[in-house]
C-alpha atoms as a PDB file:
ATOM      1  CA  UNK A   1     -10.954   1.316  18.943  1.00  0.00           C
ATOM      2  CA  UNK A   2      -9.565   4.807  18.535  1.00  0.00           C
ATOM      3  CA  UNK A   3      -7.118   5.516  15.751  1.00  0.00           C
ATOM      4  CA  UNK A   4      -4.504   8.270  16.340  1.00  0.00           C
ATOM      5  CA  UNK A   5      -4.890  11.201  14.134  1.00  0.00           C
ATOM      6  CA  UNK A   6      -7.895   9.490  12.382  1.00  0.00           C
ATOM      7  CA  UNK A   7      -5.635   7.140  10.766  1.00  0.00           C
ATOM      8  CA  UNK A   8      -8.072   4.168  10.203  1.00  0.00           C
ATOM      9  CA  UNK A   9      -6.893   0.600   9.387  1.00  0.00           C
ATOM     10  CA  UNK A  10      -4.499  -0.642   6.455  1.00  0.00           C
ATOM     11  CA  UNK A  11      -6.018  -3.174   3.899  1.00  0.00           C
ATOM     12  CA  UNK A  12      -4.152  -5.934   5.614  1.00  0.00           C
ATOM     13  CA  UNK A  13      -5.592  -4.996   8.860  1.00  0.00           C
ATOM     14  CA  UNK A  14      -9.150  -4.578   7.405  1.00  0.00           C
ATOM     15  CA  UNK A  15      -8.859  -8.233   5.802  1.00  0.00           C
ATOM     16  CA  UNK A  16      -7.529  -9.844   9.222  1.00  0.00           C
ATOM     17  CA  UNK A  17     -10.504  -8.336  10.960  1.00  0.00           C
ATOM     18  CA  UNK A  18     -12.781  -9.496   8.405  1.00  0.00           C
ATOM     19  CA  UNK A  19     -11.239 -13.111   8.664  1.00  0.00           C
ATOM     20  CA  UNK A  20     -11.838 -12.961  12.542  1.00  0.00           C
ATOM     21  CA  UNK A  21     -15.772 -12.265  11.848  1.00  0.00           C
ATOM     22  CA  UNK A  22     -15.830 -14.865   9.404  1.00  0.00           C
ATOM     23  CA  UNK A  23     -14.398 -17.302  12.125  1.00  0.00           C
ATOM     24  CA  UNK A  24     -17.034 -16.055  14.310  1.00  0.00           C
ATOM     25  CA  UNK A  25     -19.796 -16.639  11.949  1.00  0.00           C
ATOM     26  CA  UNK A  26     -18.533 -20.368  11.848  1.00  0.00           C
ATOM     27  CA  UNK A  27     -18.664 -20.765  15.708  1.00  0.00           C
ATOM     28  CA  UNK A  28     -22.160 -18.954  15.549  1.00  0.00           C
ATOM     29  CA  UNK A  29     -23.530 -21.770  13.449  1.00  0.00           C
ATOM     30  CA  UNK A  30     -21.789 -24.325  15.763  1.00  0.00           C
ATOM     31  CA  UNK A  31     -24.071 -22.931  18.520  1.00  0.00           C
ATOM     32  CA  UNK A  32     -21.168 -21.541  20.696  1.00  0.00           C
ATOM     33  CA  UNK A  33     -21.986 -18.745  23.289  1.00  0.00           C
ATOM     34  CA  UNK A  34     -20.939 -15.311  22.792  1.00  0.00           C
ATOM     35  CA  UNK A  35     -18.407 -15.774  25.755  1.00  0.00           C
ATOM     36  CA  UNK A  36     -16.756 -18.721  24.380  1.00  0.00           C
ATOM     37  CA  UNK A  37     -16.404 -17.145  20.799  1.00  0.00           C
ATOM     38  CA  UNK A  38     -15.033 -13.802  22.338  1.00  0.00           C
ATOM     39  CA  UNK A  39     -12.469 -15.839  24.496  1.00  0.00           C
ATOM     40  CA  UNK A  40     -11.546 -18.316  21.534  1.00  0.00           C
ATOM     41  CA  UNK A  41     -10.828 -15.054  19.062  1.00  0.00           C
ATOM     42  CA  UNK A  42      -9.442 -12.974  21.876  1.00  0.00           C
ATOM     43  CA  UNK A  43     -11.945  -9.962  21.231  1.00  0.00           C
ATOM     44  CA  UNK A  44     -14.383  -8.328  23.470  1.00  0.00           C
ATOM     45  CA  UNK A  45     -17.813  -9.981  24.219  1.00  0.00           C
ATOM     46  CA  UNK A  46     -19.581  -6.788  23.009  1.00  0.00           C
ATOM     47  CA  UNK A  47     -17.836  -7.101  19.695  1.00  0.00           C
ATOM     48  CA  UNK A  48     -19.163 -10.677  19.501  1.00  0.00           C
ATOM     49  CA  UNK A  49     -22.660  -9.719  20.449  1.00  0.00           C
ATOM     50  CA  UNK A  50     -22.627  -7.017  17.485  1.00  0.00           C
ATOM     51  CA  UNK A  51     -21.518  -9.473  15.165  1.00  0.00           C
ATOM     52  CA  UNK A  52     -23.787 -12.247  16.405  1.00  0.00           C
ATOM     53  CA  UNK A  53     -26.945  -9.551  15.905  1.00  0.00           C
ATOM     54  CA  UNK A  54     -25.693  -8.805  12.175  1.00  0.00           C
ATOM     55  CA  UNK A  55     -25.271 -12.379  11.490  1.00  0.00           C
ATOM     56  CA  UNK A  56     -28.617 -13.320  12.780  1.00  0.00           C
ATOM     57  CA  UNK A  57     -30.233 -10.427  10.594  1.00  0.00           C
ATOM     58  CA  UNK A  58     -28.365 -10.672   7.325  1.00  0.00           C
ATOM     59  CA  UNK A  59     -26.072 -13.837   7.481  1.00  0.00           C
ATOM     60  CA  UNK A  60     -22.551 -14.128   6.889  1.00  0.00           C
ATOM     61  CA  UNK A  61     -22.243 -11.206   4.125  1.00  0.00           C
ATOM     62  CA  UNK A  62     -23.220  -8.815   6.987  1.00  0.00           C
ATOM     63  CA  UNK A  63     -19.867  -9.621   8.585  1.00  0.00           C
ATOM     64  CA  UNK A  64     -17.837  -8.749   5.404  1.00  0.00           C
ATOM     65  CA  UNK A  65     -15.731  -5.532   5.329  1.00  0.00           C
ATOM     66  CA  UNK A  66     -17.376  -2.431   4.445  1.00  0.00           C
ATOM     67  CA  UNK A  67     -14.213  -0.789   3.207  1.00  0.00           C
ATOM     68  CA  UNK A  68     -12.515   2.329   4.873  1.00  0.00           C
ATOM     69  CA  UNK A  69     -14.566   4.078   7.180  1.00  0.00           C
ATOM     70  CA  UNK A  70     -14.332   7.474   5.123  1.00  0.00           C
ATOM     71  CA  UNK A  71     -13.246   8.424   1.685  1.00  0.00           C
ATOM     72  CA  UNK A  72     -10.255  10.343   1.105  1.00  0.00           C
ATOM     73  CA  UNK A  73     -11.054  14.103   0.774  1.00  0.00           C
ATOM     74  CA  UNK A  74      -9.313  14.436  -2.448  1.00  0.00           C
ATOM     75  CA  UNK A  75      -9.883  11.927  -5.114  1.00  0.00           C
ATOM     76  CA  UNK A  76      -7.006  10.871  -7.499  1.00  0.00           C
ATOM     77  CA  UNK A  77      -7.909  13.408 -10.045  1.00  0.00           C
ATOM     78  CA  UNK A  78      -8.284  16.374  -7.747  1.00  0.00           C
ATOM     79  CA  UNK A  79      -4.732  14.950  -5.924  1.00  0.00           C
ATOM     80  CA  UNK A  80      -3.313  15.154  -9.405  1.00  0.00           C
ATOM     81  CA  UNK A  81      -4.465  18.593  -9.928  1.00  0.00           C
ATOM     82  CA  UNK A  82      -2.975  19.583  -6.442  1.00  0.00           C
ATOM     83  CA  UNK A  83       0.544  17.982  -7.389  1.00  0.00           C
ATOM     84  CA  UNK A  84       0.399  20.340 -10.665  1.00  0.00           C
ATOM     85  CA  UNK A  85      -0.430  23.260  -8.490  1.00  0.00           C
ATOM     86  CA  UNK A  86       2.441  22.355  -5.999  1.00  0.00           C
ATOM     87  CA  UNK A  87       4.948  22.103  -8.967  1.00  0.00           C
ATOM     88  CA  UNK A  88       4.316  25.540  -9.695  1.00  0.00           C
ATOM     89  CA  UNK A  89       5.688  26.609  -6.506  1.00  0.00           C
ATOM     90  CA  UNK A  90       4.545  28.729  -3.598  1.00  0.00           C
ATOM     91  CA  UNK A  91       5.714  32.064  -5.265  1.00  0.00           C
ATOM     92  CA  UNK A  92       3.070  31.268  -8.079  1.00  0.00           C
ATOM     93  CA  UNK A  93       0.479  31.272  -5.442  1.00  0.00           C
ATOM     94  CA  UNK A  94       1.540  34.474  -3.694  1.00  0.00           C
ATOM     95  CA  UNK A  95       3.741  33.274  -1.039  1.00  0.00           C
ATOM     96  CA  UNK A  96       7.175  35.270  -0.738  1.00  0.00           C
ATOM     97  CA  UNK A  97       9.742  32.133  -0.822  1.00  0.00           C
ATOM     98  CA  UNK A  98       9.885  28.786  -2.235  1.00  0.00           C
ATOM     99  CA  UNK A  99       8.779  26.932   0.878  1.00  0.00           C
ATOM    100  CA  UNK A 100       5.867  24.649   0.900  1.00  0.00           C
ATOM    101  CA  UNK A 101       4.445  24.340   4.587  1.00  0.00           C
ATOM    102  CA  UNK A 102       1.540  22.252   5.616  1.00  0.00           C
ATOM    103  CA  UNK A 103      -0.309  25.339   6.561  1.00  0.00           C
ATOM    104  CA  UNK A 104       0.309  27.013   2.912  1.00  0.00           C
ATOM    105  CA  UNK A 105      -0.819  23.687   1.439  1.00  0.00           C
ATOM    106  CA  UNK A 106      -4.069  23.819   3.564  1.00  0.00           C
ATOM    107  CA  UNK A 107      -4.733  27.235   2.319  1.00  0.00           C
ATOM    108  CA  UNK A 108      -4.228  26.023  -1.232  1.00  0.00           C
ATOM    109  CA  UNK A 109      -6.509  23.153  -0.791  1.00  0.00           C
ATOM    110  CA  UNK A 110      -9.224  25.589   0.442  1.00  0.00           C
ATOM    111  CA  UNK A 111      -8.842  27.746  -2.279  1.00  0.00           C
ATOM    112  CA  UNK A 112      -8.623  25.723  -5.048  1.00  0.00           C
ATOM    113  CA  UNK A 113     -10.924  22.926  -4.001  1.00  0.00           C
ATOM    114  CA  UNK A 114     -13.060  24.708  -1.316  1.00  0.00           C
ATOM    115  CA  UNK A 115     -12.140  21.663   1.030  1.00  0.00           C
ATOM    116  CA  UNK A 116     -10.860  21.942   4.772  1.00  0.00           C
ATOM    117  CA  UNK A 117      -8.176  19.433   6.137  1.00  0.00           C
ATOM    118  CA  UNK A 118      -6.405  19.205   9.064  1.00  0.00           C
ATOM    119  CA  UNK A 119      -2.731  19.408   9.046  1.00  0.00           C
ATOM    120  CA  UNK A 120      -1.910  15.862  10.166  1.00  0.00           C
ATOM    121  CA  UNK A 121      -4.523  14.985   7.305  1.00  0.00           C
ATOM    122  CA  UNK A 122      -2.587  16.735   4.805  1.00  0.00           C
ATOM    123  CA  UNK A 123       0.666  15.140   5.966  1.00  0.00           C
ATOM    124  CA  UNK A 124      -0.910  11.767   5.787  1.00  0.00           C
ATOM    125  CA  UNK A 125      -2.234  12.225   2.571  1.00  0.00           C
ATOM    126  CA  UNK A 126       1.064  13.633   1.107  1.00  0.00           C
ATOM    127  CA  UNK A 127       2.895  10.594   2.563  1.00  0.00           C
ATOM    128  CA  UNK A 128       0.499   8.141   1.222  1.00  0.00           C
ATOM    129  CA  UNK A 129       1.105   9.646  -2.391  1.00  0.00           C
ATOM    130  CA  UNK A 130       4.875   9.333  -1.915  1.00  0.00           C
ATOM    131  CA  UNK A 131       5.716  12.902  -0.722  1.00  0.00           C
ATOM    132  CA  UNK A 132       8.133  13.540   2.037  1.00  0.00           C
ATOM    133  CA  UNK A 133       9.105  16.511   4.131  1.00  0.00           C
ATOM    134  CA  UNK A 134      12.303  18.531   3.129  1.00  0.00           C
ATOM    135  CA  UNK A 135      14.518  20.725   5.037  1.00  0.00           C
ATOM    136  CA  UNK A 136      16.033  23.319   3.028  1.00  0.00           C
ATOM    137  CA  UNK A 137      19.752  23.567   3.209  1.00  0.00           C
ATOM    138  CA  UNK A 138      20.668  26.978   4.129  1.00  0.00           C
ATOM    139  CA  UNK A 139      23.812  28.230   2.841  1.00  0.00           C
ATOM    140  CA  UNK A 140      25.277  31.557   2.613  1.00  0.00           C
ATOM    141  CA  UNK A 141      25.166  33.369  -0.612  1.00  0.00           C
ATOM    142  CA  UNK A 142      28.758  33.932  -0.328  1.00  0.00           C
ATOM    143  CA  UNK A 143      29.854  30.384   0.623  1.00  0.00           C
ATOM    144  CA  UNK A 144      32.691  29.105  -1.768  1.00  0.00           C
ATOM    145  CA  UNK A 145      32.519  25.656  -2.299  1.00  0.00           C
ATOM    146  CA  UNK A 146      36.113  25.198  -3.428  1.00  0.00           C
ATOM    147  CA  UNK A 147      37.411  26.963  -0.333  1.00  0.00           C
ATOM    148  CA  UNK A 148      35.317  24.889   1.958  1.00  0.00           C
ATOM    149  CA  UNK A 149      36.629  21.749   0.413  1.00  0.00           C
ATOM    150  CA  UNK A 150      40.125  23.039   0.713  1.00  0.00           C
ATOM    151  CA  UNK A 151      39.895  23.876   4.229  1.00  0.00           C
ATOM    152  CA  UNK A 152      38.589  20.424   5.024  1.00  0.00           C
ATOM    153  CA  UNK A 153      41.166  18.551   3.326  1.00  0.00           C
ATOM    154  CA  UNK A 154      43.977  20.839   4.331  1.00  0.00           C
ATOM    155  CA  UNK A 155      43.202  22.627   7.553  1.00  0.00           C
ATOM    156  CA  UNK A 156      40.779  20.511   9.484  1.00  0.00           C
ATOM    157  CA  UNK A 157      43.321  17.635   9.978  1.00  0.00           C
ATOM    158  CA  UNK A 158      45.762  19.967  11.614  1.00  0.00           C
ATOM    159  CA  UNK A 159      43.028  21.499  13.797  1.00  0.00           C
ATOM    160  CA  UNK A 160      41.616  18.222  14.936  1.00  0.00           C
ATOM    161  CA  UNK A 161      44.265  16.932  17.098  1.00  0.00           C
ATOM    162  CA  UNK A 162      44.550  12.967  17.406  1.00  0.00           C
ATOM    163  CA  UNK A 163      43.164  11.901  20.486  1.00  0.00           C
ATOM    164  CA  UNK A 164      45.367  10.443  23.259  1.00  0.00           C
ATOM    165  CA  UNK A 165      44.756   6.879  24.088  1.00  0.00           C
ATOM    166  CA  UNK A 166      44.734   6.266  27.686  1.00  0.00           C
ATOM    167  CA  UNK A 167      47.534   4.023  28.883  1.00  0.00           C
ATOM    168  CA  UNK A 168      46.894   0.882  31.102  1.00  0.00           C
ATOM    169  CA  UNK A 169      46.507   1.917  34.672  1.00  0.00           C
ATOM    170  CA  UNK A 170      45.645   5.589  33.911  1.00  0.00           C
ATOM    171  CA  UNK A 171      42.517   6.683  35.300  1.00  0.00           C
ATOM    172  CA  UNK A 172      40.322   9.715  35.267  1.00  0.00           C
ATOM    173  CA  UNK A 173      40.395   9.961  38.949  1.00  0.00           C
ATOM    174  CA  UNK A 174      42.973  11.911  40.679  1.00  0.00           C
ATOM    175  CA  UNK A 175      45.427  10.015  42.901  1.00  0.00           C
ATOM    176  CA  UNK A 176      44.611  10.916  46.522  1.00  0.00           C
ATOM    177  CA  UNK A 177      47.704  11.547  49.083  1.00  0.00           C
ATOM    178  CA  UNK A 178      48.193   8.639  51.428  1.00  0.00           C
ATOM    179  CA  UNK A 179      49.821  10.101  54.431  1.00  0.00           C
END
């Protein structure tokens, strides 16, 4: 099975799949064929063949989950260092404005930790640690909040005319002359 953007399985999904393999081990011990086990557990026959081979070679412990397929690129301690660097802001790292983009974070990770990550991998890592993307509110420097609030309160209701409700029998279609 392929996972989008290198996602992998959640811990719950890993546990579920391990339970399926343990059920298969019980069926192997009962002498059931690969086809019957596959049909019963709703998995492919090829998966059952691999499980049976591992079970025959090393027993039931061979069917236990081995954990995530890969370790995270940044350990917890390195991610803590990354958070400290992000808190300093982009300007402290040589960028002209205060916007963190994934490309900038990728560059920072490369410079600081000598590791290369994909943009989607960085996005997933940040989300896993509780970060979210932010869209800066772009406001004019000359903006006067009091004047805006007054306009919304006083002028906007006059500009926004109340909508006319259609009366029964009215239609958006025009009447055609009946001659």
